[in-house]
N, C-alpha and C. Protein backbone atom coordinates (compact mmCIF):
# COMPACT_ATOMS: atom_id res chain seq x y z
N MET A 1 -20.13 -10.33 12.83
CA MET A 1 -19.28 -9.44 11.94
C MET A 1 -18.23 -8.85 12.77
N ALA A 2 -17.02 -8.74 12.35
CA ALA A 2 -15.93 -8.12 13.00
C ALA A 2 -16.00 -6.64 13.09
N VAL A 3 -15.44 -6.12 14.20
CA VAL A 3 -15.57 -4.62 14.35
C VAL A 3 -14.16 -4.19 14.10
N TYR A 4 -13.86 -3.15 13.28
CA TYR A 4 -12.51 -2.70 12.92
C TYR A 4 -12.30 -1.31 13.61
N SER A 5 -11.17 -1.22 14.33
CA SER A 5 -10.94 0.06 14.86
C SER A 5 -9.68 0.78 14.15
N HIS A 6 -8.95 0.01 13.49
CA HIS A 6 -7.67 0.61 12.81
C HIS A 6 -7.57 -0.08 11.43
N ILE A 7 -7.63 0.71 10.37
CA ILE A 7 -7.67 0.26 8.99
C ILE A 7 -6.34 0.66 8.43
N LEU A 8 -5.56 -0.13 7.66
CA LEU A 8 -4.44 0.28 6.86
C LEU A 8 -4.91 0.13 5.43
N LEU A 9 -4.70 1.23 4.73
CA LEU A 9 -5.05 1.39 3.28
C LEU A 9 -3.77 1.38 2.46
N ALA A 10 -3.49 0.34 1.70
CA ALA A 10 -2.32 0.41 0.86
C ALA A 10 -2.62 1.07 -0.55
N VAL A 11 -1.97 2.08 -0.81
CA VAL A 11 -2.09 2.94 -2.02
C VAL A 11 -0.91 2.77 -2.90
N ASP A 12 -1.33 2.54 -4.25
CA ASP A 12 -0.28 2.46 -5.28
C ASP A 12 -0.17 3.64 -6.23
N PHE A 13 -1.18 4.56 -6.13
CA PHE A 13 -1.28 5.82 -7.03
C PHE A 13 -1.56 5.38 -8.33
N THR A 14 -2.17 4.17 -8.66
CA THR A 14 -2.54 3.89 -9.99
C THR A 14 -4.01 4.46 -10.21
N PRO A 15 -4.46 4.43 -11.33
CA PRO A 15 -5.89 5.01 -11.57
C PRO A 15 -6.93 4.35 -10.79
N VAL A 16 -6.77 3.22 -10.25
CA VAL A 16 -7.71 2.62 -9.36
C VAL A 16 -7.70 2.96 -7.91
N THR A 17 -6.76 3.79 -7.59
CA THR A 17 -6.74 4.26 -6.11
C THR A 17 -7.90 4.73 -5.59
N ASP A 18 -8.52 5.52 -6.40
CA ASP A 18 -9.83 6.17 -5.97
C ASP A 18 -10.84 5.08 -5.55
N THR A 19 -10.98 4.05 -6.24
CA THR A 19 -11.92 2.95 -6.08
C THR A 19 -11.67 2.31 -4.65
N VAL A 20 -10.34 1.95 -4.53
CA VAL A 20 -9.83 1.25 -3.16
C VAL A 20 -10.03 2.35 -2.08
N THR A 21 -9.74 3.51 -2.29
CA THR A 21 -9.77 4.46 -1.22
C THR A 21 -11.27 4.73 -0.71
N ARG A 22 -12.23 4.82 -1.75
CA ARG A 22 -13.61 4.92 -1.23
C ARG A 22 -14.06 3.79 -0.49
N GLN A 23 -13.62 2.49 -0.82
CA GLN A 23 -13.98 1.32 0.06
C GLN A 23 -13.41 1.56 1.46
N ALA A 24 -12.29 1.91 1.54
CA ALA A 24 -11.61 2.09 2.82
C ALA A 24 -12.37 3.22 3.72
N MET A 25 -12.67 4.22 3.01
CA MET A 25 -13.51 5.35 3.66
C MET A 25 -14.85 5.01 4.15
N GLU A 26 -15.51 4.19 3.27
CA GLU A 26 -16.86 3.71 3.74
C GLU A 26 -16.74 2.80 5.01
N LEU A 27 -15.73 1.86 4.98
CA LEU A 27 -15.54 1.10 6.25
C LEU A 27 -15.09 1.97 7.50
N CYS A 28 -14.28 2.97 7.30
CA CYS A 28 -13.73 3.89 8.35
C CYS A 28 -15.02 4.45 8.97
N GLN A 29 -16.03 4.98 8.13
CA GLN A 29 -17.11 5.65 8.63
C GLN A 29 -18.06 4.73 9.28
N ALA A 30 -18.33 3.49 8.72
CA ALA A 30 -19.07 2.66 9.30
C ALA A 30 -18.74 2.18 10.70
N PHE A 31 -17.35 1.93 10.76
CA PHE A 31 -16.82 1.47 12.10
C PHE A 31 -16.30 2.46 12.94
N LYS A 32 -16.36 3.73 12.52
CA LYS A 32 -15.74 4.89 13.18
C LYS A 32 -14.28 4.50 13.46
N ALA A 33 -13.48 4.06 12.45
CA ALA A 33 -12.09 3.59 12.68
C ALA A 33 -11.17 4.60 12.26
N ARG A 34 -10.01 4.33 12.82
CA ARG A 34 -8.91 5.22 12.57
C ARG A 34 -8.31 4.60 11.09
N LEU A 35 -7.82 5.53 10.23
CA LEU A 35 -7.32 5.15 8.90
C LEU A 35 -5.91 5.56 8.70
N SER A 36 -5.04 4.69 8.36
CA SER A 36 -3.56 4.87 8.08
C SER A 36 -3.41 4.67 6.65
N LEU A 37 -2.47 5.37 5.97
CA LEU A 37 -2.20 5.12 4.57
C LEU A 37 -0.74 4.71 4.52
N VAL A 38 -0.54 3.84 3.46
CA VAL A 38 0.80 3.33 3.32
C VAL A 38 1.10 3.22 1.67
N HIS A 39 2.12 3.62 1.32
CA HIS A 39 2.70 3.52 -0.04
C HIS A 39 4.19 2.95 0.06
N VAL A 40 4.30 1.98 -0.78
CA VAL A 40 5.82 1.50 -0.81
C VAL A 40 6.41 1.74 -2.03
N VAL A 41 7.56 2.15 -2.00
CA VAL A 41 8.42 2.47 -3.10
C VAL A 41 9.38 1.20 -3.29
N GLU A 42 9.30 0.51 -4.43
CA GLU A 42 10.19 -0.53 -4.77
C GLU A 42 11.69 0.04 -4.91
N PHE A 43 12.67 -0.72 -4.65
CA PHE A 43 13.93 -0.24 -5.00
C PHE A 43 14.08 -0.30 -6.48
N THR A 44 14.88 0.79 -6.98
CA THR A 44 15.27 0.86 -8.47
C THR A 44 16.49 0.10 -8.61
N GLN A 45 16.57 -0.58 -9.71
CA GLN A 45 17.72 -1.46 -10.02
C GLN A 45 18.16 -0.95 -11.48
N MET A 46 19.18 -0.26 -11.58
CA MET A 46 19.53 0.32 -12.92
C MET A 46 20.39 -0.68 -13.71
N ASP A 47 21.24 -1.41 -13.10
CA ASP A 47 22.14 -2.22 -13.78
C ASP A 47 22.41 -3.50 -12.82
N LEU A 48 21.84 -4.67 -13.34
CA LEU A 48 21.93 -5.70 -12.49
C LEU A 48 23.41 -6.39 -12.54
N SER A 49 24.19 -6.09 -13.51
CA SER A 49 25.61 -6.60 -13.50
C SER A 49 26.49 -5.80 -12.58
N ASN A 50 26.11 -4.65 -12.16
CA ASN A 50 27.06 -3.88 -11.48
C ASN A 50 26.83 -3.92 -9.80
N ASP A 51 27.86 -4.35 -9.11
CA ASP A 51 27.76 -4.61 -7.78
C ASP A 51 27.83 -3.34 -6.93
N LEU A 52 28.26 -2.25 -7.61
CA LEU A 52 28.39 -0.95 -6.90
C LEU A 52 27.02 -0.26 -7.00
N VAL A 53 26.64 0.44 -5.91
CA VAL A 53 25.51 1.38 -5.76
C VAL A 53 25.93 2.79 -6.43
N LEU A 54 25.38 3.14 -7.45
CA LEU A 54 25.69 4.32 -8.05
C LEU A 54 24.99 5.44 -7.46
N PRO A 55 25.64 6.70 -7.17
CA PRO A 55 24.86 7.79 -6.78
C PRO A 55 23.72 8.16 -7.29
N GLN A 56 23.64 8.00 -8.74
CA GLN A 56 22.35 8.16 -9.52
C GLN A 56 21.29 7.34 -8.97
N GLU A 57 21.47 6.09 -8.67
CA GLU A 57 20.50 5.16 -8.01
C GLU A 57 20.00 5.76 -6.78
N LEU A 58 20.76 6.27 -5.87
CA LEU A 58 20.45 6.74 -4.59
C LEU A 58 19.56 8.14 -4.76
N GLU A 59 19.94 8.79 -5.77
CA GLU A 59 19.21 10.17 -6.05
C GLU A 59 17.74 9.81 -6.67
N ILE A 60 17.72 8.91 -7.41
CA ILE A 60 16.32 8.39 -7.96
C ILE A 60 15.48 7.89 -6.80
N ASP A 61 16.05 6.98 -6.02
CA ASP A 61 15.37 6.44 -4.93
C ASP A 61 14.95 7.63 -4.06
N GLN A 62 15.72 8.56 -3.61
CA GLN A 62 15.38 9.61 -2.74
C GLN A 62 14.38 10.38 -3.24
N GLU A 63 14.35 10.65 -4.50
CA GLU A 63 13.44 11.46 -5.38
C GLU A 63 11.98 10.80 -5.32
N LEU A 64 11.92 9.50 -5.45
CA LEU A 64 10.79 8.74 -5.54
C LEU A 64 10.10 8.71 -4.17
N MET A 65 10.96 8.58 -3.08
CA MET A 65 10.51 8.75 -1.70
C MET A 65 9.83 9.99 -1.45
N LYS A 66 10.53 11.08 -1.94
CA LYS A 66 10.09 12.37 -1.55
C LYS A 66 8.76 12.74 -2.40
N ARG A 67 8.57 12.33 -3.59
CA ARG A 67 7.36 12.47 -4.32
C ARG A 67 6.22 11.78 -3.73
N SER A 68 6.56 10.41 -3.58
CA SER A 68 5.57 9.58 -2.80
C SER A 68 4.97 10.12 -1.53
N LYS A 69 5.89 10.67 -0.70
CA LYS A 69 5.59 11.19 0.56
C LYS A 69 4.52 12.33 0.26
N GLN A 70 4.82 13.31 -0.61
CA GLN A 70 4.02 14.37 -0.97
C GLN A 70 2.56 13.91 -1.48
N ARG A 71 2.68 13.05 -2.31
CA ARG A 71 1.48 12.52 -2.95
C ARG A 71 0.42 11.88 -2.02
N LEU A 72 1.07 11.17 -1.02
CA LEU A 72 0.36 10.39 0.10
C LEU A 72 -0.24 11.53 1.01
N GLU A 73 0.52 12.54 1.32
CA GLU A 73 0.05 13.62 2.23
C GLU A 73 -1.05 14.39 1.59
N ASP A 74 -0.91 14.68 0.24
CA ASP A 74 -2.01 15.24 -0.50
C ASP A 74 -3.39 14.56 -0.50
N LEU A 75 -3.11 13.16 -0.54
CA LEU A 75 -4.42 12.33 -0.57
C LEU A 75 -5.03 12.30 0.95
N ALA A 76 -4.13 12.42 1.89
CA ALA A 76 -4.50 12.37 3.23
C ALA A 76 -5.23 13.71 3.53
N GLU A 77 -4.78 14.87 2.98
CA GLU A 77 -5.46 16.07 3.23
C GLU A 77 -6.84 16.13 2.58
N LYS A 78 -6.92 15.49 1.32
CA LYS A 78 -8.18 15.34 0.58
C LYS A 78 -9.27 14.56 1.43
N LEU A 79 -8.65 13.48 2.11
CA LEU A 79 -9.64 12.66 2.79
C LEU A 79 -9.86 13.26 4.40
N GLY A 80 -9.16 14.27 4.65
CA GLY A 80 -9.31 14.74 6.09
C GLY A 80 -8.49 13.84 7.14
N ILE A 81 -7.43 13.28 6.75
CA ILE A 81 -6.60 12.36 7.49
C ILE A 81 -5.35 13.18 7.88
N ASP A 82 -4.87 13.09 9.03
CA ASP A 82 -3.70 13.71 9.52
C ASP A 82 -2.57 13.10 8.97
N LYS A 83 -1.63 13.94 8.59
CA LYS A 83 -0.28 13.52 7.89
C LYS A 83 0.46 12.43 8.84
N SER A 84 0.23 12.39 10.10
CA SER A 84 0.93 11.40 10.96
C SER A 84 0.44 9.97 10.62
N GLU A 85 -0.62 9.85 9.85
CA GLU A 85 -1.15 8.69 9.54
C GLU A 85 -0.66 8.15 8.18
N CYS A 86 0.25 8.80 7.66
CA CYS A 86 0.92 8.54 6.27
C CYS A 86 2.24 8.01 6.57
N PHE A 87 2.41 6.86 5.78
CA PHE A 87 3.64 6.10 6.02
C PHE A 87 4.16 5.73 4.51
N VAL A 88 5.43 6.14 4.17
CA VAL A 88 6.01 5.88 2.90
C VAL A 88 7.32 5.01 3.30
N SER A 89 7.45 3.79 2.60
CA SER A 89 8.40 2.93 2.83
C SER A 89 8.99 2.48 1.53
N GLN A 90 10.29 1.92 1.81
CA GLN A 90 11.02 1.34 0.51
C GLN A 90 11.41 0.07 0.74
N GLY A 91 11.17 -0.70 -0.19
CA GLY A 91 11.51 -2.17 -0.22
C GLY A 91 10.54 -2.97 -0.90
N SER A 92 10.21 -4.26 -0.36
CA SER A 92 9.38 -5.17 -0.78
C SER A 92 8.01 -4.72 -0.37
N THR A 93 7.11 -4.51 -1.43
CA THR A 93 5.76 -4.00 -1.15
C THR A 93 5.07 -4.90 -0.14
N ARG A 94 5.07 -6.24 -0.30
CA ARG A 94 4.40 -7.16 0.59
C ARG A 94 4.92 -7.08 2.02
N ARG A 95 6.33 -7.13 2.09
CA ARG A 95 6.95 -6.95 3.28
C ARG A 95 6.66 -5.81 4.19
N GLU A 96 6.70 -4.76 3.45
CA GLU A 96 6.57 -3.32 4.10
C GLU A 96 5.02 -3.19 4.61
N ILE A 97 4.06 -3.62 3.73
CA ILE A 97 2.74 -3.59 4.22
C ILE A 97 2.40 -4.44 5.52
N LEU A 98 2.89 -5.47 5.48
CA LEU A 98 2.86 -6.57 6.67
C LEU A 98 3.52 -6.02 7.87
N ARG A 99 4.66 -5.43 7.66
CA ARG A 99 5.55 -4.95 8.84
C ARG A 99 4.79 -3.67 9.45
N LEU A 100 4.24 -2.94 8.55
CA LEU A 100 3.53 -1.69 9.10
C LEU A 100 2.12 -2.18 9.80
N ALA A 101 1.51 -3.17 9.23
CA ALA A 101 0.21 -3.56 9.86
C ALA A 101 0.45 -4.08 11.22
N LYS A 102 1.59 -4.86 11.23
CA LYS A 102 1.89 -5.30 12.58
C LYS A 102 2.37 -4.27 13.67
N GLU A 103 3.17 -3.28 13.13
CA GLU A 103 3.74 -2.20 14.02
C GLU A 103 2.57 -1.37 14.45
N LEU A 104 1.62 -1.12 13.54
CA LEU A 104 0.57 -0.26 14.02
C LEU A 104 -0.65 -0.91 14.72
N ASN A 105 -0.49 -2.14 14.70
CA ASN A 105 -1.60 -3.05 15.23
C ASN A 105 -2.93 -2.79 14.63
N THR A 106 -2.98 -2.73 13.29
CA THR A 106 -4.18 -2.71 12.51
C THR A 106 -4.91 -4.05 12.54
N ASN A 107 -6.20 -3.78 12.31
CA ASN A 107 -6.97 -5.24 12.35
C ASN A 107 -7.73 -5.39 10.96
N LEU A 108 -7.42 -4.49 9.94
CA LEU A 108 -7.85 -4.62 8.65
C LEU A 108 -6.91 -3.87 7.72
N ILE A 109 -6.51 -4.64 6.67
CA ILE A 109 -5.76 -3.99 5.56
C ILE A 109 -6.63 -3.90 4.39
N VAL A 110 -6.72 -2.87 3.68
CA VAL A 110 -7.36 -2.70 2.37
C VAL A 110 -6.39 -2.38 1.30
N ILE A 111 -6.62 -3.38 0.28
CA ILE A 111 -5.75 -3.35 -0.80
C ILE A 111 -6.47 -3.58 -2.14
N GLY A 112 -6.01 -3.14 -3.24
CA GLY A 112 -6.65 -3.45 -4.50
C GLY A 112 -6.10 -4.69 -5.07
N SER A 113 -7.06 -5.40 -5.82
CA SER A 113 -6.61 -6.67 -6.51
C SER A 113 -7.17 -6.74 -7.83
N HIS A 114 -6.41 -7.05 -8.76
CA HIS A 114 -6.82 -7.25 -10.22
C HIS A 114 -7.31 -8.58 -10.58
N GLY A 115 -7.23 -9.62 -9.69
CA GLY A 115 -7.73 -10.85 -10.02
C GLY A 115 -7.07 -11.57 -11.24
N ARG A 116 -5.90 -11.43 -11.33
CA ARG A 116 -5.16 -11.97 -12.57
C ARG A 116 -5.41 -13.51 -12.70
N GLU A 117 -5.13 -13.92 -13.91
CA GLU A 117 -5.37 -15.32 -14.16
C GLU A 117 -4.09 -15.96 -14.96
N GLY A 118 -4.21 -17.24 -14.97
CA GLY A 118 -2.96 -17.85 -15.74
C GLY A 118 -1.66 -17.76 -14.94
N ILE A 119 -0.73 -17.44 -15.78
CA ILE A 119 0.71 -17.42 -15.20
C ILE A 119 0.76 -16.23 -14.16
N GLN A 120 0.10 -15.29 -14.25
CA GLN A 120 0.09 -14.13 -13.22
C GLN A 120 -0.30 -14.65 -11.98
N ARG A 121 -1.48 -15.51 -11.93
CA ARG A 121 -1.99 -16.10 -10.81
C ARG A 121 -1.06 -16.92 -10.02
N LEU A 122 -0.28 -17.66 -10.90
CA LEU A 122 0.81 -18.71 -10.44
C LEU A 122 2.01 -17.74 -9.77
N LEU A 123 2.29 -16.70 -10.30
CA LEU A 123 3.39 -15.91 -9.79
C LEU A 123 2.93 -15.15 -8.57
N GLY A 124 1.62 -14.94 -8.54
CA GLY A 124 1.19 -14.28 -7.32
C GLY A 124 1.08 -12.97 -7.39
N SER A 125 0.28 -12.12 -6.67
CA SER A 125 0.35 -10.61 -6.76
C SER A 125 0.44 -10.10 -5.46
N THR A 126 0.69 -8.79 -5.31
CA THR A 126 0.88 -8.27 -4.02
C THR A 126 -0.36 -8.46 -2.94
N ALA A 127 -1.57 -8.33 -3.59
CA ALA A 127 -2.65 -8.58 -2.65
C ALA A 127 -2.82 -9.90 -2.14
N ASN A 128 -2.33 -10.99 -3.05
CA ASN A 128 -2.39 -12.39 -2.69
C ASN A 128 -1.27 -12.50 -1.52
N ALA A 129 -0.09 -12.03 -1.87
CA ALA A 129 1.05 -12.14 -0.78
C ALA A 129 0.65 -11.56 0.54
N VAL A 130 -0.03 -10.43 0.59
CA VAL A 130 -0.37 -9.80 1.73
C VAL A 130 -1.45 -10.45 2.45
N LEU A 131 -2.29 -11.17 1.68
CA LEU A 131 -3.46 -11.91 2.21
C LEU A 131 -2.98 -13.12 2.94
N HIS A 132 -1.97 -13.71 2.48
CA HIS A 132 -1.42 -14.93 3.01
C HIS A 132 -0.45 -14.68 4.40
N GLY A 133 -0.01 -13.54 4.35
CA GLY A 133 0.89 -13.18 5.43
C GLY A 133 0.50 -12.18 6.40
N ALA A 134 -0.75 -11.79 6.27
CA ALA A 134 -1.37 -10.77 7.15
C ALA A 134 -1.59 -11.24 8.62
N PRO A 135 -1.41 -10.34 9.56
CA PRO A 135 -1.70 -10.55 10.90
C PRO A 135 -3.20 -10.21 11.34
N CYS A 136 -3.89 -9.86 10.21
CA CYS A 136 -5.36 -9.42 10.41
C CYS A 136 -6.05 -9.71 9.28
N ASP A 137 -7.35 -9.25 9.24
CA ASP A 137 -8.14 -9.34 8.07
C ASP A 137 -7.61 -8.53 6.92
N VAL A 138 -7.90 -8.94 5.74
CA VAL A 138 -7.52 -8.19 4.51
C VAL A 138 -8.86 -8.06 3.54
N LEU A 139 -8.98 -6.99 3.17
CA LEU A 139 -10.02 -6.67 2.19
C LEU A 139 -9.37 -6.46 0.72
N ALA A 140 -9.52 -7.37 -0.17
CA ALA A 140 -8.82 -7.20 -1.48
C ALA A 140 -9.99 -6.64 -2.30
N VAL A 141 -9.91 -5.33 -2.59
CA VAL A 141 -10.98 -4.77 -3.38
C VAL A 141 -10.76 -5.20 -4.94
N ARG A 142 -11.77 -5.85 -5.61
CA ARG A 142 -11.61 -6.31 -6.86
C ARG A 142 -11.71 -5.18 -7.89
N ILE A 143 -10.66 -5.14 -8.72
CA ILE A 143 -10.67 -4.04 -9.83
C ILE A 143 -10.76 -4.68 -10.99
N LYS A 144 -11.72 -4.27 -11.71
CA LYS A 144 -12.13 -4.81 -13.18
C LYS A 144 -11.20 -4.16 -14.16
N ASP A 145 -10.49 -4.97 -14.80
CA ASP A 145 -9.68 -4.50 -15.80
C ASP A 145 -10.40 -4.19 -17.08
N GLU A 146 -10.08 -3.08 -17.78
CA GLU A 146 -10.91 -2.82 -18.78
C GLU A 146 -10.38 -3.09 -20.17
C-alpha cells in the first residue's frame, strides 16, 4: 500500500463537499499527511459575442475569488488546517488542480466524482480529467446522486 505524505483536496463547495472532505481527513490522519485545499473559480463569460472584457466581468471574477478564498479559509479553520495550505485559482478546474498538485509535489489528489453515465461520461468530468492527467495517485470519492 502506498504511503501518502501530502494530500491535495479539491473542494467545489457543493453539498457533497463534506463527504469528500471526510475521506481526505481520514486519509490524512491514517498517514499523518499534510493536507492542502484547492478551489478553482472558472472564468465567467457574460457575452460570447463581445471581444472586449467588460469591467463588470472583472468585478464579478474578483468577487468570486474573494468569496471563494474566504470560504476555503473558513473550511480550513474548521478542519484545523493553516490558511497557508489554502489555494484559490482561476481558470480551467482540471488544469489548475494538476498544476497545483505538481507545484506542491503532492502524492494524492482527493476529488468528488458523480459517476455520470451516457453522454456526460463521453464528455468527461473534472474527476476523470484529473485522473488521466495527474502526476500522482487520485482518489475519486464516489458521490451518489439522489
